[in-house]
N, C-alpha and C. Protein backbone atom coordinates (compact mmCIF):
# COMPACT_ATOMS: atom_id res chain seq x y z
N MET A 1 -6.45 -9.90 48.78
CA MET A 1 -5.78 -9.74 47.51
C MET A 1 -4.92 -8.47 47.56
N ALA A 2 -3.68 -8.58 47.16
CA ALA A 2 -2.77 -7.44 47.16
C ALA A 2 -3.11 -6.50 46.01
N LEU A 3 -3.02 -5.20 46.26
CA LEU A 3 -3.35 -4.22 45.25
C LEU A 3 -2.11 -3.59 44.63
N LEU A 4 -0.94 -4.07 45.00
CA LEU A 4 0.31 -3.51 44.50
C LEU A 4 0.34 -3.59 42.98
N THR A 5 0.70 -2.50 42.34
CA THR A 5 0.89 -2.52 40.89
C THR A 5 2.31 -2.19 40.51
N SER A 6 3.02 -1.39 41.31
CA SER A 6 4.41 -1.07 41.00
C SER A 6 5.06 -0.40 42.20
N LEU A 7 6.36 -0.58 42.33
CA LEU A 7 7.14 0.11 43.35
C LEU A 7 8.11 1.08 42.71
N GLY A 8 7.83 1.45 41.51
CA GLY A 8 8.71 2.36 40.80
C GLY A 8 9.04 1.81 39.43
N GLU A 9 9.84 2.56 38.75
CA GLU A 9 10.17 2.24 37.36
C GLU A 9 10.85 0.88 37.21
N ASP A 10 11.71 0.51 38.16
CA ASP A 10 12.50 -0.71 38.02
C ASP A 10 11.95 -1.89 38.81
N ILE A 11 10.90 -1.69 39.61
CA ILE A 11 10.41 -2.76 40.46
C ILE A 11 8.96 -3.04 40.11
N ALA A 12 8.68 -4.19 39.58
CA ALA A 12 7.31 -4.57 39.24
C ALA A 12 7.02 -5.92 39.88
N PRO A 13 5.77 -6.15 40.29
CA PRO A 13 5.43 -7.43 40.91
C PRO A 13 5.67 -8.60 39.97
N ILE A 14 6.00 -9.75 40.55
CA ILE A 14 6.15 -10.97 39.79
C ILE A 14 5.28 -12.03 40.44
N GLY A 15 5.08 -13.13 39.79
CA GLY A 15 4.28 -14.21 40.36
C GLY A 15 2.82 -14.06 39.99
N VAL A 16 2.15 -15.19 39.83
CA VAL A 16 0.74 -15.17 39.46
C VAL A 16 -0.13 -15.82 40.53
N GLY A 17 0.43 -16.14 41.66
CA GLY A 17 -0.30 -16.79 42.74
C GLY A 17 -1.15 -15.80 43.51
N PRO A 18 -1.64 -16.24 44.67
CA PRO A 18 -2.54 -15.39 45.46
C PRO A 18 -1.84 -14.24 46.18
N ARG A 19 -0.53 -14.19 46.15
CA ARG A 19 0.21 -13.11 46.82
C ARG A 19 1.13 -12.41 45.83
N ALA A 20 1.20 -11.08 45.97
CA ALA A 20 2.12 -10.32 45.14
C ALA A 20 3.53 -10.52 45.67
N GLN A 21 4.47 -10.65 44.76
CA GLN A 21 5.89 -10.77 45.11
C GLN A 21 6.69 -9.87 44.19
N TYR A 22 7.86 -9.44 44.67
CA TYR A 22 8.80 -8.81 43.76
C TYR A 22 10.22 -9.09 44.19
N SER A 23 11.08 -9.10 43.21
CA SER A 23 12.50 -9.31 43.43
C SER A 23 13.16 -7.93 43.47
N VAL A 24 13.90 -7.66 44.54
CA VAL A 24 14.55 -6.36 44.70
C VAL A 24 15.74 -6.30 43.75
N PRO A 25 15.83 -5.25 42.92
CA PRO A 25 16.97 -5.12 42.01
C PRO A 25 18.29 -5.06 42.79
N LEU A 26 19.32 -5.68 42.26
CA LEU A 26 20.61 -5.71 42.94
C LEU A 26 21.22 -4.33 43.12
N SER A 27 20.73 -3.32 42.39
CA SER A 27 21.24 -1.96 42.58
C SER A 27 20.92 -1.44 43.98
N PHE A 28 19.89 -1.99 44.65
CA PHE A 28 19.55 -1.61 46.02
C PHE A 28 20.43 -2.33 47.03
N VAL A 29 20.98 -3.47 46.65
CA VAL A 29 21.62 -4.38 47.59
C VAL A 29 23.12 -4.16 47.59
N ALA A 30 23.76 -4.70 48.61
CA ALA A 30 25.20 -4.52 48.83
C ALA A 30 26.03 -4.98 47.63
N PRO A 31 27.28 -4.51 47.53
CA PRO A 31 28.16 -4.97 46.45
C PRO A 31 28.38 -6.48 46.53
N LEU A 32 28.88 -7.07 45.46
CA LEU A 32 29.04 -8.51 45.40
C LEU A 32 30.38 -8.99 45.95
N THR A 33 31.15 -8.11 46.59
CA THR A 33 32.39 -8.48 47.27
C THR A 33 32.37 -7.86 48.66
N ILE A 34 32.74 -8.66 49.67
CA ILE A 34 32.79 -8.18 51.04
C ILE A 34 34.25 -8.25 51.50
N PRO A 35 34.81 -7.14 51.98
CA PRO A 35 36.21 -7.17 52.41
C PRO A 35 36.43 -8.13 53.58
N ALA A 36 37.66 -8.56 53.76
CA ALA A 36 38.03 -9.44 54.88
C ALA A 36 37.59 -8.81 56.19
N GLY A 37 36.86 -9.58 57.00
CA GLY A 37 36.40 -9.09 58.30
C GLY A 37 35.41 -7.94 58.22
N GLY A 38 34.86 -7.67 57.03
CA GLY A 38 34.02 -6.50 56.83
C GLY A 38 32.53 -6.78 56.77
N VAL A 39 31.79 -5.69 56.70
CA VAL A 39 30.34 -5.73 56.58
C VAL A 39 29.94 -4.74 55.49
N VAL A 40 29.01 -5.15 54.64
CA VAL A 40 28.42 -4.23 53.66
C VAL A 40 26.92 -4.18 53.90
N THR A 41 26.36 -2.99 53.78
CA THR A 41 24.93 -2.80 54.03
C THR A 41 24.31 -2.11 52.83
N SER A 42 23.13 -2.59 52.44
CA SER A 42 22.42 -2.02 51.31
C SER A 42 21.94 -0.61 51.62
N ASP A 43 21.54 0.10 50.58
CA ASP A 43 20.75 1.31 50.77
C ASP A 43 19.42 0.87 51.36
N PHE A 44 18.63 1.80 51.87
CA PHE A 44 17.32 1.39 52.38
C PHE A 44 16.46 0.96 51.20
N ILE A 45 15.65 -0.05 51.45
CA ILE A 45 14.78 -0.63 50.43
C ILE A 45 13.33 -0.39 50.88
N PRO A 46 12.50 0.26 50.06
CA PRO A 46 11.11 0.50 50.47
C PRO A 46 10.33 -0.81 50.53
N SER A 47 9.41 -0.91 51.50
CA SER A 47 8.64 -2.14 51.65
C SER A 47 7.49 -2.22 50.67
N GLY A 48 6.96 -1.08 50.24
CA GLY A 48 5.86 -1.07 49.30
C GLY A 48 4.63 -1.79 49.81
N GLY A 49 4.47 -1.88 51.13
CA GLY A 49 3.33 -2.56 51.71
C GLY A 49 3.52 -4.06 51.88
N MET A 50 4.64 -4.57 51.43
CA MET A 50 4.94 -5.99 51.60
C MET A 50 5.33 -6.24 53.05
N THR A 51 5.07 -7.44 53.56
CA THR A 51 5.46 -7.76 54.94
C THR A 51 6.42 -8.94 55.02
N GLY A 52 6.49 -9.77 54.00
CA GLY A 52 7.41 -10.90 54.01
C GLY A 52 8.70 -10.56 53.28
N ILE A 53 9.82 -11.01 53.83
CA ILE A 53 11.13 -10.78 53.21
C ILE A 53 11.88 -12.10 53.18
N ALA A 54 12.54 -12.38 52.07
CA ALA A 54 13.46 -13.51 51.98
C ALA A 54 14.77 -13.00 51.38
N VAL A 55 15.87 -13.36 52.00
CA VAL A 55 17.20 -12.99 51.50
C VAL A 55 18.02 -14.26 51.40
N GLY A 56 18.66 -14.46 50.28
CA GLY A 56 19.51 -15.63 50.10
C GLY A 56 20.84 -15.23 49.49
N ALA A 57 21.89 -15.93 49.88
CA ALA A 57 23.23 -15.63 49.36
C ALA A 57 24.10 -16.87 49.42
N THR A 58 25.03 -16.92 48.51
CA THR A 58 26.11 -17.90 48.55
C THR A 58 27.41 -17.11 48.57
N SER A 59 28.23 -17.34 49.58
CA SER A 59 29.47 -16.60 49.76
C SER A 59 30.65 -17.56 49.76
N THR A 60 31.79 -17.07 49.31
CA THR A 60 32.99 -17.89 49.34
C THR A 60 33.60 -17.98 50.74
N GLN A 61 33.11 -17.14 51.68
CA GLN A 61 33.60 -17.14 53.05
C GLN A 61 32.41 -17.18 54.03
N ALA A 62 32.66 -17.61 55.25
CA ALA A 62 31.62 -17.62 56.29
C ALA A 62 31.31 -16.19 56.73
N GLY A 63 30.09 -15.99 57.21
CA GLY A 63 29.67 -14.67 57.69
C GLY A 63 28.23 -14.71 58.14
N MET A 64 27.53 -13.57 58.02
CA MET A 64 26.15 -13.45 58.46
C MET A 64 25.34 -12.66 57.44
N ILE A 65 24.03 -12.97 57.38
CA ILE A 65 23.04 -12.15 56.70
C ILE A 65 22.23 -11.49 57.80
N SER A 66 21.94 -10.21 57.66
CA SER A 66 21.15 -9.49 58.65
C SER A 66 20.17 -8.58 57.93
N VAL A 67 18.92 -8.55 58.41
CA VAL A 67 17.90 -7.65 57.88
C VAL A 67 17.36 -6.81 59.02
N GLN A 68 17.42 -5.49 58.86
CA GLN A 68 16.86 -4.56 59.84
C GLN A 68 15.69 -3.83 59.20
N ARG A 69 14.54 -3.88 59.86
CA ARG A 69 13.36 -3.17 59.37
C ARG A 69 13.22 -1.83 60.09
N PHE A 70 12.58 -0.86 59.40
CA PHE A 70 12.45 0.50 59.92
C PHE A 70 11.01 0.99 59.79
N LEU A 71 10.60 1.86 60.73
CA LEU A 71 9.26 2.44 60.71
C LEU A 71 9.13 3.60 59.75
N ASP A 72 10.24 4.12 59.26
CA ASP A 72 10.19 5.27 58.36
C ASP A 72 10.91 4.96 57.05
N MET A 73 10.61 5.76 56.03
CA MET A 73 11.21 5.55 54.71
C MET A 73 12.70 5.88 54.68
N ALA A 74 13.15 6.74 55.59
CA ALA A 74 14.56 7.13 55.60
C ALA A 74 15.45 6.13 56.35
N ALA A 75 14.84 5.07 56.87
CA ALA A 75 15.58 4.02 57.60
C ALA A 75 16.35 4.59 58.79
N THR A 76 15.66 5.42 59.59
CA THR A 76 16.29 5.99 60.78
C THR A 76 15.65 5.51 62.09
N ILE A 77 14.46 4.89 62.03
CA ILE A 77 13.78 4.42 63.24
C ILE A 77 13.63 2.89 63.14
N PRO A 78 14.58 2.15 63.73
CA PRO A 78 14.52 0.69 63.63
C PRO A 78 13.34 0.13 64.42
N ILE A 79 12.81 -0.97 63.93
CA ILE A 79 11.75 -1.67 64.64
C ILE A 79 12.24 -3.08 64.94
N GLY A 80 12.37 -3.38 66.22
CA GLY A 80 12.86 -4.69 66.63
C GLY A 80 14.33 -4.89 66.35
N ALA A 81 14.82 -6.03 66.78
CA ALA A 81 16.21 -6.41 66.54
C ALA A 81 16.35 -6.92 65.11
N PRO A 82 17.53 -6.83 64.53
CA PRO A 82 17.71 -7.38 63.19
C PRO A 82 17.50 -8.90 63.19
N ALA A 83 16.93 -9.40 62.11
CA ALA A 83 16.84 -10.84 61.89
C ALA A 83 18.15 -11.28 61.28
N THR A 84 18.71 -12.41 61.74
CA THR A 84 20.02 -12.84 61.25
C THR A 84 20.03 -14.32 60.89
N ALA A 85 20.95 -14.67 60.02
CA ALA A 85 21.21 -16.06 59.66
C ALA A 85 22.69 -16.19 59.31
N SER A 86 23.24 -17.35 59.56
CA SER A 86 24.65 -17.59 59.25
C SER A 86 24.86 -17.83 57.77
N LEU A 87 26.02 -17.41 57.30
CA LEU A 87 26.48 -17.75 55.95
C LEU A 87 27.60 -18.76 56.10
N SER A 88 27.46 -19.93 55.51
CA SER A 88 28.52 -20.93 55.50
C SER A 88 29.22 -20.85 54.15
N ALA A 89 30.53 -20.92 54.17
CA ALA A 89 31.30 -20.80 52.93
C ALA A 89 30.88 -21.85 51.91
N GLY A 90 30.63 -21.37 50.67
CA GLY A 90 30.34 -22.26 49.57
C GLY A 90 28.97 -22.90 49.58
N THR A 91 28.09 -22.47 50.48
CA THR A 91 26.76 -23.07 50.62
C THR A 91 25.71 -21.99 50.47
N ALA A 92 24.64 -22.28 49.74
CA ALA A 92 23.53 -21.33 49.65
C ALA A 92 22.84 -21.26 51.01
N ASN A 93 22.66 -20.05 51.52
CA ASN A 93 22.06 -19.82 52.83
C ASN A 93 20.94 -18.80 52.68
N GLY A 94 19.93 -18.91 53.53
CA GLY A 94 18.81 -17.98 53.41
C GLY A 94 18.24 -17.56 54.75
N LEU A 95 17.47 -16.48 54.69
CA LEU A 95 16.80 -15.91 55.85
C LEU A 95 15.41 -15.50 55.40
N THR A 96 14.38 -15.89 56.13
CA THR A 96 13.02 -15.45 55.81
C THR A 96 12.41 -14.78 57.03
N ILE A 97 11.59 -13.76 56.76
CA ILE A 97 10.88 -13.04 57.81
C ILE A 97 9.41 -13.02 57.40
N THR A 98 8.56 -13.65 58.20
CA THR A 98 7.14 -13.73 57.89
C THR A 98 6.29 -13.44 59.13
N ASP A 99 6.77 -12.58 60.02
CA ASP A 99 6.07 -12.34 61.28
C ASP A 99 4.96 -11.30 61.21
N GLY A 100 4.77 -10.65 60.06
CA GLY A 100 3.68 -9.70 59.88
C GLY A 100 3.90 -8.33 60.49
N VAL A 101 5.10 -8.05 61.01
CA VAL A 101 5.39 -6.74 61.59
C VAL A 101 5.31 -5.68 60.48
N ILE A 102 4.69 -4.55 60.79
CA ILE A 102 4.54 -3.46 59.82
C ILE A 102 5.82 -2.64 59.78
N PHE A 103 6.28 -2.32 58.57
CA PHE A 103 7.48 -1.50 58.40
C PHE A 103 7.41 -0.80 57.05
N LEU A 104 8.19 0.29 56.91
CA LEU A 104 8.19 1.04 55.65
C LEU A 104 9.44 0.83 54.81
N SER A 105 10.54 0.43 55.45
CA SER A 105 11.77 0.19 54.71
C SER A 105 12.63 -0.81 55.47
N PHE A 106 13.65 -1.31 54.79
CA PHE A 106 14.57 -2.24 55.45
C PHE A 106 15.94 -2.16 54.78
N THR A 107 16.94 -2.67 55.49
CA THR A 107 18.29 -2.79 54.93
C THR A 107 18.74 -4.23 55.06
N VAL A 108 19.63 -4.63 54.17
CA VAL A 108 20.25 -5.95 54.20
C VAL A 108 21.74 -5.75 54.43
N SER A 109 22.29 -6.44 55.44
CA SER A 109 23.73 -6.40 55.69
C SER A 109 24.29 -7.79 55.52
N LEU A 110 25.47 -7.85 54.95
CA LEU A 110 26.19 -9.11 54.77
C LEU A 110 27.57 -8.94 55.36
N SER A 111 27.97 -9.88 56.22
CA SER A 111 29.28 -9.77 56.86
C SER A 111 30.16 -10.93 56.43
N ASN A 112 31.45 -10.71 56.60
CA ASN A 112 32.47 -11.70 56.26
C ASN A 112 33.34 -11.89 57.50
N SER A 113 33.34 -13.08 58.08
CA SER A 113 34.13 -13.32 59.29
C SER A 113 35.52 -13.88 58.98
N SER A 114 35.87 -13.97 57.71
CA SER A 114 37.15 -14.53 57.30
C SER A 114 38.23 -13.45 57.18
N SER A 115 39.48 -13.90 57.12
CA SER A 115 40.59 -12.97 56.92
C SER A 115 40.87 -12.74 55.43
N ALA A 116 40.03 -13.32 54.56
CA ALA A 116 40.14 -13.11 53.11
C ALA A 116 38.84 -12.50 52.61
N ALA A 117 38.91 -11.76 51.51
CA ALA A 117 37.71 -11.16 50.93
C ALA A 117 36.72 -12.25 50.52
N ALA A 118 35.44 -11.94 50.60
CA ALA A 118 34.40 -12.88 50.22
C ALA A 118 33.73 -12.40 48.93
N SER A 119 33.47 -13.32 48.03
CA SER A 119 32.69 -13.03 46.83
C SER A 119 31.34 -13.68 46.97
N LEU A 120 30.31 -12.94 46.60
CA LEU A 120 28.96 -13.50 46.60
C LEU A 120 28.68 -14.05 45.22
N THR A 121 28.52 -15.35 45.14
CA THR A 121 28.27 -15.97 43.84
C THR A 121 26.77 -16.09 43.57
N GLY A 122 25.97 -15.77 44.55
CA GLY A 122 24.52 -15.72 44.39
C GLY A 122 23.97 -14.78 45.43
N LEU A 123 22.99 -13.97 45.05
CA LEU A 123 22.37 -13.04 45.98
C LEU A 123 20.97 -12.74 45.48
N ALA A 124 19.97 -12.87 46.34
CA ALA A 124 18.59 -12.56 45.98
C ALA A 124 17.86 -11.98 47.18
N VAL A 125 17.02 -10.98 46.92
CA VAL A 125 16.15 -10.40 47.94
C VAL A 125 14.75 -10.34 47.34
N VAL A 126 13.79 -10.98 48.02
CA VAL A 126 12.42 -11.04 47.53
C VAL A 126 11.49 -10.56 48.64
N GLN A 127 10.43 -9.83 48.26
CA GLN A 127 9.39 -9.43 49.21
C GLN A 127 8.07 -10.02 48.77
N GLN A 128 7.20 -10.26 49.76
CA GLN A 128 5.88 -10.84 49.47
C GLN A 128 4.83 -10.15 50.33
N ALA A 129 3.67 -9.93 49.74
CA ALA A 129 2.56 -9.31 50.48
C ALA A 129 1.96 -10.31 51.43
């Protein structure tokens, strides 16, 4: 049973099942527009003891979703290679990480492989214990 009660003023667990979950506020995550050929990366997001991550996005252009986990809270010591998934234009795409690797923080990067700016019409980041 997860003992998480809060990750701060703006982050509270959700869900009533056997696992604690929370939705990461969009203030932690990248802006909702990605420049042509560009990449945007979130601020570091604390894990709060959670080990599962799911990231989903719908973009107007093709690109990639990438999640890098870190051993420290300052997001300076990466652990393993980033997990990645493709973004197809106009389609909801997702990435899940459930390998149980221990980490203290992570970042989410979204790239745009098009020559036009991309708008994210949907974006969600969820963690699970």
